[in-house]
């Protein structure tokens, strides 16, 4: 799977995939239609956890459990 770069955001041009924020990554992967639903759900859970933490909120236990289950499967 390849993401098309550069990506033009309202903050500037992103040329390196490692500089993409999780929300932008989720958007690009959704548009590509390539990843499985499980991968997209994992990325969505990561995004939700990141957003909760960035607002100094505890991460929902359901999100933590889903992320742990995914990690155990790998």
PDB file of N, CA and C in Angstrom:
ATOM      1  N   UNK A   1       0.849  -1.168   0.000  1.00  0.00           N
ATOM      2  CA  UNK A   1       0.000   0.000   0.000  1.00  0.00           C
ATOM      3  C   UNK A   1       0.896   1.231   0.000  1.00  0.00           C
ATOM      4  N   UNK A   2       0.537   2.182  -0.823  1.00  0.00           N
ATOM      5  CA  UNK A   2       1.307   3.415  -0.921  1.00  0.00           C
ATOM      6  C   UNK A   2       0.386   4.604  -0.749  1.00  0.00           C
ATOM      7  N   UNK A   3       0.820   5.530   0.072  1.00  0.00           N
ATOM      8  CA  UNK A   3       0.094   6.778   0.227  1.00  0.00           C
ATOM      9  C   UNK A   3       0.709   7.787  -0.724  1.00  0.00           C
ATOM     10  N   UNK A   4      -0.148   8.573  -1.340  1.00  0.00           N
ATOM     11  CA  UNK A   4       0.350   9.564  -2.281  1.00  0.00           C
ATOM     12  C   UNK A   4       0.790  10.810  -1.525  1.00  0.00           C
ATOM     13  N   UNK A   5       2.055  11.096  -1.642  1.00  0.00           N
ATOM     14  CA  UNK A   5       2.629  12.293  -1.052  1.00  0.00           C
ATOM     15  C   UNK A   5       3.205  13.134  -2.166  1.00  0.00           C
ATOM     16  N   UNK A   6       3.314  14.408  -2.043  1.00  0.00           N
ATOM     17  CA  UNK A   6       3.080  15.169  -0.827  1.00  0.00           C
ATOM     18  C   UNK A   6       1.593  15.304  -0.522  1.00  0.00           C
ATOM     19  N   UNK A   7       1.317  15.552   0.765  1.00  0.00           N
ATOM     20  CA  UNK A   7      -0.040  15.836   1.214  1.00  0.00           C
ATOM     21  C   UNK A   7      -0.073  17.312   1.594  1.00  0.00           C
ATOM     22  N   UNK A   8      -1.064  18.012   1.076  1.00  0.00           N
ATOM     23  CA  UNK A   8      -1.184  19.445   1.331  1.00  0.00           C
ATOM     24  C   UNK A   8      -2.235  19.666   2.411  1.00  0.00           C
ATOM     25  N   UNK A   9      -1.782  20.107   3.577  1.00  0.00           N
ATOM     26  CA  UNK A   9      -2.703  20.382   4.682  1.00  0.00           C
ATOM     27  C   UNK A   9      -2.800  21.891   4.867  1.00  0.00           C
ATOM     28  N   UNK A  10      -3.708  22.291   5.741  1.00  0.00           N
ATOM     29  CA  UNK A  10      -3.835  23.723   6.004  1.00  0.00           C
ATOM     30  C   UNK A  10      -2.610  24.273   6.732  1.00  0.00           C
ATOM     31  N   UNK A  11      -1.755  23.368   7.241  1.00  0.00           N
ATOM     32  CA  UNK A  11      -0.550  23.783   7.953  1.00  0.00           C
ATOM     33  C   UNK A  11       0.699  23.753   7.081  1.00  0.00           C
ATOM     34  N   UNK A  12       0.568  23.234   5.876  1.00  0.00           N
ATOM     35  CA  UNK A  12       1.708  23.176   4.976  1.00  0.00           C
ATOM     36  C   UNK A  12       1.777  21.851   4.244  1.00  0.00           C
ATOM     37  N   UNK A  13       2.890  21.629   3.605  1.00  0.00           N
ATOM     38  CA  UNK A  13       3.097  20.437   2.786  1.00  0.00           C
ATOM     39  C   UNK A  13       3.788  19.367   3.622  1.00  0.00           C
ATOM     40  N   UNK A  14       3.280  18.132   3.521  1.00  0.00           N
ATOM     41  CA  UNK A  14       3.885  16.994   4.211  1.00  0.00           C
ATOM     42  C   UNK A  14       4.469  16.075   3.152  1.00  0.00           C
ATOM     43  N   UNK A  15       5.784  15.870   3.214  1.00  0.00           N
ATOM     44  CA  UNK A  15       6.482  15.050   2.232  1.00  0.00           C
ATOM     45  C   UNK A  15       6.890  13.686   2.768  1.00  0.00           C
ATOM     46  N   UNK A  16       6.852  13.524   4.077  1.00  0.00           N
ATOM     47  CA  UNK A  16       7.311  12.284   4.708  1.00  0.00           C
ATOM     48  C   UNK A  16       6.130  11.624   5.428  1.00  0.00           C
ATOM     49  N   UNK A  17       5.903  10.354   5.152  1.00  0.00           N
ATOM     50  CA  UNK A  17       4.781   9.632   5.752  1.00  0.00           C
ATOM     51  C   UNK A  17       4.852   9.653   7.279  1.00  0.00           C
ATOM     52  N   UNK A  18       6.059   9.736   7.838  1.00  0.00           N
ATOM     53  CA  UNK A  18       6.223   9.745   9.295  1.00  0.00           C
ATOM     54  C   UNK A  18       5.801  11.079   9.923  1.00  0.00           C
ATOM     55  N   UNK A  19       5.575  12.085   9.103  1.00  0.00           N
ATOM     56  CA  UNK A  19       5.114  13.379   9.604  1.00  0.00           C
ATOM     57  C   UNK A  19       3.588  13.500   9.588  1.00  0.00           C
ATOM     58  N   UNK A  20       2.894  12.495   9.057  1.00  0.00           N
ATOM     59  CA  UNK A  20       1.432  12.541   9.016  1.00  0.00           C
ATOM     60  C   UNK A  20       0.855  12.328  10.405  1.00  0.00           C
ATOM     61  N   UNK A  21      -0.125  13.144  10.757  1.00  0.00           N
ATOM     62  CA  UNK A  21      -0.831  12.938  12.015  1.00  0.00           C
ATOM     63  C   UNK A  21      -1.807  11.781  11.838  1.00  0.00           C
ATOM     64  N   UNK A  22      -2.197  11.169  12.945  1.00  0.00           N
ATOM     65  CA  UNK A  22      -3.031   9.968  12.901  1.00  0.00           C
ATOM     66  C   UNK A  22      -4.367  10.219  12.199  1.00  0.00           C
ATOM     67  N   UNK A  23      -4.957  11.405  12.390  1.00  0.00           N
ATOM     68  CA  UNK A  23      -6.224  11.718  11.741  1.00  0.00           C
ATOM     69  C   UNK A  23      -6.091  11.807  10.225  1.00  0.00           C
ATOM     70  N   UNK A  24      -4.999  12.415   9.759  1.00  0.00           N
ATOM     71  CA  UNK A  24      -4.743  12.517   8.320  1.00  0.00           C
ATOM     72  C   UNK A  24      -4.453  11.130   7.758  1.00  0.00           C
ATOM     73  N   UNK A  25      -3.688  10.337   8.486  1.00  0.00           N
ATOM     74  CA  UNK A  25      -3.387   8.972   8.063  1.00  0.00           C
ATOM     75  C   UNK A  25      -4.676   8.164   7.913  1.00  0.00           C
ATOM     76  N   UNK A  26      -5.566   8.304   8.885  1.00  0.00           N
ATOM     77  CA  UNK A  26      -6.848   7.610   8.817  1.00  0.00           C
ATOM     78  C   UNK A  26      -7.638   8.045   7.580  1.00  0.00           C
ATOM     79  N   UNK A  27      -7.675   9.334   7.326  1.00  0.00           N
ATOM     80  CA  UNK A  27      -8.389   9.868   6.167  1.00  0.00           C
ATOM     81  C   UNK A  27      -7.827   9.310   4.861  1.00  0.00           C
ATOM     82  N   UNK A  28      -6.512   9.342   4.711  1.00  0.00           N
ATOM     83  CA  UNK A  28      -5.879   8.864   3.485  1.00  0.00           C
ATOM     84  C   UNK A  28      -6.090   7.365   3.287  1.00  0.00           C
ATOM     85  N   UNK A  29      -6.002   6.595   4.366  1.00  0.00           N
ATOM     86  CA  UNK A  29      -6.205   5.154   4.253  1.00  0.00           C
ATOM     87  C   UNK A  29      -7.659   4.825   3.926  1.00  0.00           C
ATOM     88  N   UNK A  30      -8.597   5.575   4.512  1.00  0.00           N
ATOM     89  CA  UNK A  30     -10.009   5.381   4.185  1.00  0.00           C
ATOM     90  C   UNK A  30     -10.259   5.641   2.707  1.00  0.00           C
ATOM     91  N   UNK A  31      -9.654   6.701   2.191  1.00  0.00           N
ATOM     92  CA  UNK A  31      -9.832   7.046   0.776  1.00  0.00           C
ATOM     93  C   UNK A  31      -9.212   6.008  -0.148  1.00  0.00           C
ATOM     94  N   UNK A  32      -8.133   5.378   0.304  1.00  0.00           N
ATOM     95  CA  UNK A  32      -7.421   4.424  -0.557  1.00  0.00           C
ATOM     96  C   UNK A  32      -8.207   3.136  -0.758  1.00  0.00           C
ATOM     97  N   UNK A  33      -9.046   2.778   0.215  1.00  0.00           N
ATOM     98  CA  UNK A  33      -9.833   1.558   0.112  1.00  0.00           C
ATOM     99  C   UNK A  33      -9.025   0.281   0.257  1.00  0.00           C
ATOM    100  N   UNK A  34      -7.759   0.386   0.640  1.00  0.00           N
ATOM    101  CA  UNK A  34      -6.885  -0.786   0.692  1.00  0.00           C
ATOM    102  C   UNK A  34      -6.935  -1.542   2.020  1.00  0.00           C
ATOM    103  N   UNK A  35      -6.816  -0.864   3.165  1.00  0.00           N
ATOM    104  CA  UNK A  35      -6.722  -1.613   4.421  1.00  0.00           C
ATOM    105  C   UNK A  35      -8.033  -2.307   4.795  1.00  0.00           C
ATOM    106  N   UNK A  36      -7.895  -3.324   5.603  1.00  0.00           N
ATOM    107  CA  UNK A  36      -9.071  -4.057   6.083  1.00  0.00           C
ATOM    108  C   UNK A  36      -9.833  -3.211   7.092  1.00  0.00           C
ATOM    109  N   UNK A  37     -11.052  -3.622   7.371  1.00  0.00           N
ATOM    110  CA  UNK A  37     -11.854  -2.922   8.382  1.00  0.00           C
ATOM    111  C   UNK A  37     -11.182  -2.984   9.744  1.00  0.00           C
ATOM    112  N   UNK A  38     -10.515  -4.097  10.027  1.00  0.00           N
ATOM    113  CA  UNK A  38      -9.825  -4.252  11.314  1.00  0.00           C
ATOM    114  C   UNK A  38      -8.694  -3.230  11.452  1.00  0.00           C
ATOM    115  N   UNK A  39      -7.952  -3.012  10.387  1.00  0.00           N
ATOM    116  CA  UNK A  39      -6.862  -2.026  10.424  1.00  0.00           C
ATOM    117  C   UNK A  39      -7.431  -0.628  10.598  1.00  0.00           C
ATOM    118  N   UNK A  40      -8.483  -0.322   9.872  1.00  0.00           N
ATOM    119  CA  UNK A  40      -9.100   0.997   9.994  1.00  0.00           C
ATOM    120  C   UNK A  40      -9.667   1.217  11.400  1.00  0.00           C
ATOM    121  N   UNK A  41     -10.238   0.184  11.997  1.00  0.00           N
ATOM    122  CA  UNK A  41     -10.765   0.298  13.362  1.00  0.00           C
ATOM    123  C   UNK A  41      -9.635   0.511  14.355  1.00  0.00           C
ATOM    124  N   UNK A  42      -8.517  -0.179  14.158  1.00  0.00           N
ATOM    125  CA  UNK A  42      -7.355   0.001  15.017  1.00  0.00           C
ATOM    126  C   UNK A  42      -6.848   1.443  14.945  1.00  0.00           C
ATOM    127  N   UNK A  43      -6.730   1.967  13.737  1.00  0.00           N
ATOM    128  CA  UNK A  43      -6.267   3.343  13.553  1.00  0.00           C
ATOM    129  C   UNK A  43      -7.260   4.322  14.178  1.00  0.00           C
ATOM    130  N   UNK A  44      -8.539   4.063  14.016  1.00  0.00           N
ATOM    131  CA  UNK A  44      -9.551   4.920  14.628  1.00  0.00           C
ATOM    132  C   UNK A  44      -9.427   4.904  16.152  1.00  0.00           C
ATOM    133  N   UNK A  45      -9.204   3.733  16.726  1.00  0.00           N
ATOM    134  CA  UNK A  45      -9.032   3.640  18.181  1.00  0.00           C
ATOM    135  C   UNK A  45      -7.782   4.386  18.641  1.00  0.00           C
ATOM    136  N   UNK A  46      -6.709   4.302  17.863  1.00  0.00           N
ATOM    137  CA  UNK A  46      -5.504   5.066  18.186  1.00  0.00           C
ATOM    138  C   UNK A  46      -5.796   6.560  18.171  1.00  0.00           C
ATOM    139  N   UNK A  47      -6.545   6.997  17.160  1.00  0.00           N
ATOM    140  CA  UNK A  47      -6.893   8.409  17.046  1.00  0.00           C
ATOM    141  C   UNK A  47      -7.747   8.858  18.234  1.00  0.00           C
ATOM    142  N   UNK A  48      -8.730   8.050  18.608  1.00  0.00           N
ATOM    143  CA  UNK A  48      -9.582   8.393  19.735  1.00  0.00           C
ATOM    144  C   UNK A  48      -8.773   8.484  21.030  1.00  0.00           C
ATOM    145  N   UNK A  49      -7.869   7.524  21.245  1.00  0.00           N
ATOM    146  CA  UNK A  49      -7.030   7.538  22.446  1.00  0.00           C
ATOM    147  C   UNK A  49      -6.131   8.769  22.453  1.00  0.00           C
ATOM    148  N   UNK A  50      -5.530   9.079  21.330  1.00  0.00           N
ATOM    149  CA  UNK A  50      -4.657  10.249  21.219  1.00  0.00           C
ATOM    150  C   UNK A  50      -5.432  11.526  21.520  1.00  0.00           C
ATOM    151  N   UNK A  51      -6.639  11.644  20.982  1.00  0.00           N
ATOM    152  CA  UNK A  51      -7.442  12.848  21.200  1.00  0.00           C
ATOM    153  C   UNK A  51      -7.836  13.001  22.671  1.00  0.00           C
ATOM    154  N   UNK A  52      -8.199  11.893  23.300  1.00  0.00           N
ATOM    155  CA  UNK A  52      -8.555  11.970  24.718  1.00  0.00           C
ATOM    156  C   UNK A  52      -7.351  12.384  25.557  1.00  0.00           C
ATOM    157  N   UNK A  53      -6.198  11.792  25.275  1.00  0.00           N
ATOM    158  CA  UNK A  53      -4.987  12.134  26.027  1.00  0.00           C
ATOM    159  C   UNK A  53      -4.567  13.580  25.792  1.00  0.00           C
ATOM    160  N   UNK A  54      -4.719  14.063  24.560  1.00  0.00           N
ATOM    161  CA  UNK A  54      -4.304  15.435  24.263  1.00  0.00           C
ATOM    162  C   UNK A  54      -5.175  16.455  24.983  1.00  0.00           C
ATOM    163  N   UNK A  55      -6.370  16.055  25.398  1.00  0.00           N
ATOM    164  CA  UNK A  55      -7.259  16.933  26.155  1.00  0.00           C
ATOM    165  C   UNK A  55      -7.229  16.618  27.654  1.00  0.00           C
ATOM    166  N   UNK A  56      -6.157  15.896  28.047  1.00  0.00           N
ATOM    167  CA  UNK A  56      -5.946  15.564  29.462  1.00  0.00           C
ATOM    168  C   UNK A  56      -7.107  14.757  30.048  1.00  0.00           C
ATOM    169  N   UNK A  57      -7.703  13.922  29.229  1.00  0.00           N
ATOM    170  CA  UNK A  57      -8.803  13.067  29.653  1.00  0.00           C
ATOM    171  C   UNK A  57      -8.294  11.627  29.716  1.00  0.00           C
ATOM    172  N   UNK A  58      -8.842  10.821  30.615  1.00  0.00           N
ATOM    173  CA  UNK A  58      -8.473   9.398  30.616  1.00  0.00           C
ATOM    174  C   UNK A  58      -9.044   8.723  29.370  1.00  0.00           C
ATOM    175  N   UNK A  59      -8.312   7.762  28.862  1.00  0.00           N
ATOM    176  CA  UNK A  59      -8.767   7.031  27.673  1.00  0.00           C
ATOM    177  C   UNK A  59      -9.885   6.083  28.088  1.00  0.00           C
ATOM    178  N   UNK A  60     -10.951   6.085  27.311  1.00  0.00           N
ATOM    179  CA  UNK A  60     -12.091   5.186  27.540  1.00  0.00           C
ATOM    180  C   UNK A  60     -11.605   3.752  27.702  1.00  0.00           C
ATOM    181  N   UNK A  61     -12.148   3.050  28.661  1.00  0.00           N
ATOM    182  CA  UNK A  61     -11.725   1.662  28.884  1.00  0.00           C
ATOM    183  C   UNK A  61     -12.043   0.778  27.675  1.00  0.00           C
ATOM    184  N   UNK A  62     -13.119   1.060  26.968  1.00  0.00           N
ATOM    185  CA  UNK A  62     -13.458   0.246  25.788  1.00  0.00           C
ATOM    186  C   UNK A  62     -12.413   0.411  24.685  1.00  0.00           C
ATOM    187  N   UNK A  63     -11.860   1.610  24.562  1.00  0.00           N
ATOM    188  CA  UNK A  63     -10.813   1.852  23.563  1.00  0.00           C
ATOM    189  C   UNK A  63      -9.531   1.143  23.972  1.00  0.00           C
ATOM    190  N   UNK A  64      -9.178   1.246  25.259  1.00  0.00           N
ATOM    191  CA  UNK A  64      -7.978   0.559  25.747  1.00  0.00           C
ATOM    192  C   UNK A  64      -8.079  -0.949  25.557  1.00  0.00           C
ATOM    193  N   UNK A  65      -9.241  -1.502  25.880  1.00  0.00           N
ATOM    194  CA  UNK A  65      -9.428  -2.947  25.708  1.00  0.00           C
ATOM    195  C   UNK A  65      -9.303  -3.354  24.248  1.00  0.00           C
ATOM    196  N   UNK A  66      -9.886  -2.577  23.361  1.00  0.00           N
ATOM    197  CA  UNK A  66      -9.801  -2.892  21.924  1.00  0.00           C
ATOM    198  C   UNK A  66      -8.355  -2.823  21.443  1.00  0.00           C
ATOM    199  N   UNK A  67      -7.610  -1.813  21.887  1.00  0.00           N
ATOM    200  CA  UNK A  67      -6.208  -1.707  21.495  1.00  0.00           C
ATOM    201  C   UNK A  67      -5.376  -2.860  22.048  1.00  0.00           C
ATOM    202  N   UNK A  68      -5.653  -3.268  23.288  1.00  0.00           N
ATOM    203  CA  UNK A  68      -4.936  -4.402  23.892  1.00  0.00           C
ATOM    204  C   UNK A  68      -5.258  -5.706  23.170  1.00  0.00           C
ATOM    205  N   UNK A  69      -6.523  -5.890  22.819  1.00  0.00           N
ATOM    206  CA  UNK A  69      -6.895  -7.103  22.080  1.00  0.00           C
ATOM    207  C   UNK A  69      -6.165  -7.171  20.748  1.00  0.00           C
ATOM    208  N   UNK A  70      -6.088  -6.046  20.065  1.00  0.00           N
ATOM    209  CA  UNK A  70      -5.394  -6.002  18.778  1.00  0.00           C
ATOM    210  C   UNK A  70      -3.919  -6.328  18.959  1.00  0.00           C
ATOM    211  N   UNK A  71      -3.309  -5.766  20.003  1.00  0.00           N
ATOM    212  CA  UNK A  71      -1.885  -6.019  20.265  1.00  0.00           C
ATOM    213  C   UNK A  71      -1.643  -7.492  20.572  1.00  0.00           C
ATOM    214  N   UNK A  72      -2.558  -8.127  21.304  1.00  0.00           N
ATOM    215  CA  UNK A  72      -2.402  -9.556  21.627  1.00  0.00           C
ATOM    216  C   UNK A  72      -2.512 -10.432  20.398  1.00  0.00           C
ATOM    217  N   UNK A  73      -3.305  -9.995  19.421  1.00  0.00           N
ATOM    218  CA  UNK A  73      -3.486 -10.777  18.188  1.00  0.00           C
ATOM    219  C   UNK A  73      -2.226 -10.751  17.334  1.00  0.00           C
ATOM    220  N   UNK A  74      -1.438  -9.712  17.459  1.00  0.00           N
ATOM    221  CA  UNK A  74      -0.228  -9.585  16.636  1.00  0.00           C
ATOM    222  C   UNK A  74       0.852 -10.387  17.203  1.00  0.00           C
TER     223      UNK A  74
END
